[in-house]
Protein backbone atom coordinates (compact mmCIF):
# COMPACT_ATOMS: atom_id res chain seq x y z
CA MET A 1 -0.01 0.01 0.00
CA GLU A 2 2.85 2.38 0.84
CA ALA A 3 4.28 2.06 -2.68
CA ALA A 4 0.86 2.91 -4.16
CA ILE A 5 0.57 5.98 -1.91
CA GLN A 6 4.01 7.24 -2.91
CA TYR A 7 3.29 6.59 -6.61
CA ALA A 8 -0.04 8.44 -6.46
CA LYS A 9 1.57 11.37 -4.62
CA LYS A 10 4.41 11.69 -7.15
CA TYR A 11 2.03 11.29 -10.09
CA LEU A 12 -0.25 14.10 -8.88
CA GLU A 13 2.71 16.37 -8.05
CA ASP A 14 4.10 15.79 -11.57
CA LEU A 15 0.69 16.48 -13.10
CA LEU A 16 0.35 19.73 -11.13
CA SER A 17 3.85 20.83 -12.11
CA PHE A 18 2.75 20.50 -15.75
CA PHE A 19 0.33 23.37 -14.99
CA GLY A 20 3.10 25.38 -13.35
CA LEU A 21 2.20 24.53 -9.77
CA ASN A 22 5.16 23.17 -7.83
CA THR A 23 3.69 22.15 -4.50
CA GLU A 24 3.91 19.24 -2.14
CA VAL A 25 0.83 17.04 -2.00
CA HIS A 26 -0.03 15.57 1.39
CA ALA A 27 -0.68 11.84 1.02
CA SER A 28 -2.16 9.38 3.47
CA SER A 29 -4.46 6.40 3.56
CA SER A 30 -7.56 5.72 5.60
CA ASP A 31 -7.83 2.14 6.82
CA ASN A 32 -5.66 0.90 3.91
CA GLU A 33 -8.71 1.38 1.74
CA VAL A 34 -8.60 4.92 0.30
CA ILE A 35 -5.57 6.94 -0.72
CA GLU A 36 -6.15 10.53 0.37
CA LEU A 37 -4.27 13.22 -1.61
CA ASP A 38 -4.61 16.78 -0.35
CA VAL A 39 -3.42 19.67 -2.49
CA PRO A 40 -2.81 22.80 -0.37
CA SER A 41 -4.50 26.10 -1.14
CA THR A 42 -2.83 28.03 -3.97
CA HIS A 43 -3.62 30.72 -6.53
CA LEU A 44 -4.87 27.91 -8.83
CA ASN A 45 -7.63 26.62 -6.55
CA GLY A 46 -10.47 27.58 -8.89
CA PHE A 47 -8.72 26.08 -11.88
CA LEU A 48 -7.91 22.82 -10.07
CA ILE A 49 -11.39 22.43 -8.56
CA GLY A 50 -13.28 23.36 -11.72
CA GLN A 51 -16.98 23.93 -12.13
CA ARG A 52 -18.88 21.96 -9.44
CA GLY A 53 -15.68 19.99 -8.71
CA GLU A 54 -15.41 18.42 -12.17
CA THR A 55 -11.67 19.11 -12.56
CA VAL A 56 -10.75 17.68 -9.13
CA ARG A 57 -12.79 14.55 -9.98
CA ALA A 58 -10.92 14.28 -13.28
CA LEU A 59 -7.59 14.53 -11.45
CA GLN A 60 -8.78 11.80 -9.12
CA PHE A 61 -9.76 9.61 -12.07
CA MET A 62 -6.36 10.12 -13.71
CA VAL A 63 -4.46 9.19 -10.54
CA SER A 64 -6.64 6.12 -10.02
CA ASN A 65 -6.11 4.94 -13.60
CA ALA A 66 -2.36 5.54 -13.36
CA LEU A 67 -2.24 3.29 -10.28
CA LYS A 68 -4.21 0.55 -12.03
CA ASN A 69 -2.11 0.80 -15.22
CA ASN A 70 1.06 0.39 -13.17
CA ASN A 71 -0.17 -2.75 -11.42
CA HIS A 72 -0.67 -1.26 -7.98
CA GLU A 73 -3.33 -2.88 -5.87
CA VAL A 74 -6.74 -1.58 -6.73
CA VAL A 75 -7.73 1.05 -4.18
CA ARG A 76 -9.93 4.09 -4.15
CA VAL A 77 -8.30 7.48 -4.55
CA ASN A 78 -9.63 10.76 -3.13
CA VAL A 79 -8.10 14.02 -4.32
CA ASP A 80 -9.06 17.21 -2.49
CA VAL A 81 -7.96 20.74 -3.33
CA ALA A 82 -7.83 23.30 -0.47
CA GLY A 83 -10.45 21.35 1.53
CA TYR A 84 -13.09 21.78 -1.20
CA LYS A 85 -14.49 18.23 -0.91
CA LYS A 86 -14.66 18.35 2.88
CA ALA A 87 -16.55 21.66 2.80
CA ARG A 88 -18.89 20.28 0.13
CA ALA A 89 -19.58 17.18 2.21
CA ASP A 90 -20.32 19.35 5.25
CA ARG A 91 -22.80 21.49 3.24
CA LEU A 92 -24.40 18.32 1.86
CA ALA A 93 -24.73 16.87 5.40
CA GLU A 94 -26.58 20.03 6.46
CA ALA A 95 -29.03 19.73 3.55
CA ALA A 96 -29.41 16.03 4.13
CA ALA A 97 -30.51 16.62 7.71
CA ASP A 98 -33.64 18.37 6.38
CA TRP A 99 -34.28 15.62 3.82
CA LEU A 100 -33.91 12.88 6.43
CA ASN A 101 -36.24 14.69 8.84
CA THR A 102 -38.84 15.11 6.06
CA VAL A 103 -38.84 11.35 5.33
CA GLN A 104 -38.91 10.42 9.03
CA THR A 105 -41.87 12.69 9.82
CA SER A 106 -43.87 12.11 6.66
CA GLY A 107 -43.15 8.39 6.27
CA GLN A 108 -43.09 8.98 2.51
CA PRO A 109 -40.16 8.33 0.12
CA LEU A 110 -38.28 11.37 -1.17
CA HIS A 111 -36.57 11.56 -4.57
CA LEU A 112 -33.44 13.69 -4.42
CA GLU A 113 -31.86 15.61 -7.30
CA PRO A 114 -29.19 13.79 -9.36
CA MET A 115 -25.75 13.92 -7.78
CA ASN A 116 -22.28 12.51 -8.29
CA ALA A 117 -21.12 9.22 -6.78
CA ALA A 118 -19.22 10.79 -3.87
CA ASP A 119 -22.28 12.83 -2.83
CA ARG A 120 -24.54 9.79 -3.15
CA ARG A 121 -22.16 7.80 -0.94
CA THR A 122 -22.37 10.53 1.71
CA ILE A 123 -26.19 10.50 1.61
CA HIS A 124 -26.32 6.67 1.80
CA GLN A 125 -24.10 6.76 4.88
CA LEU A 126 -26.05 9.52 6.62
CA ALA A 127 -29.39 7.84 5.89
CA SER A 128 -28.11 4.55 7.27
CA GLU A 129 -26.98 6.29 10.46
CA HIS A 130 -30.52 7.69 10.88
CA GLY A 131 -32.27 4.39 10.28
CA LEU A 132 -33.55 5.13 6.78
CA THR A 133 -33.08 3.03 3.67
CA THR A 134 -31.83 4.38 0.36
CA GLU A 135 -31.83 3.33 -3.23
CA SER A 136 -29.89 4.75 -6.15
CA VAL A 137 -31.99 4.87 -9.30
CA GLY A 138 -31.35 6.06 -12.83
CA ASP A 139 -28.29 5.98 -15.04
CA GLY A 140 -25.37 8.29 -15.69
CA PRO A 141 -25.93 11.96 -14.89
CA ALA A 142 -29.60 11.29 -13.98
CA ARG A 143 -28.66 8.82 -11.20
CA HIS A 144 -30.24 9.95 -7.95
CA ILE A 145 -31.17 8.68 -4.50
CA VAL A 146 -34.59 7.80 -3.15
CA LEU A 147 -34.77 8.13 0.62
CA LYS A 148 -37.24 5.74 2.18
CA PRO A 149 -38.45 5.16 5.70
CA SER A 150 -37.30 1.82 7.13
CA THR A 151 -39.91 -0.84 7.19
CA PRO A 152 -40.68 -1.94 10.73
CA SER A 153 -39.40 -5.40 11.51
CA GLU A 154 -42.14 -7.88 12.25
């Protein structure tokens, strides 16, 4: 795992230097499952994050594919620029609290707007912690979550 972390770190640093950004990327792993790569805040934050985080997700995809193509063990990679993803997850958790409360009080399913895989993962986890069930429906950019009240066990 350590070799994969070092490879991912070096790959991302080399990629960033191509854009004229010579910075050290902080690399770690959580539970030997996900390689976390954090790019510190710079004058290129907006460029590296992109519209709605699309560029940072593309960087993440490139690092992940580079690892796979160089025969490193298959692991998930998470790239964050200046804490953007953490802040986004926090905002999503705040919104999710209202959605979860709505489903719990009404007892009716709630269809959420389409969202990317990382955001869906966050919602699935939060719903599970609050005793609700979730289902991802749809394909591609239209994929969204349906929050459902748990069925009482009989």
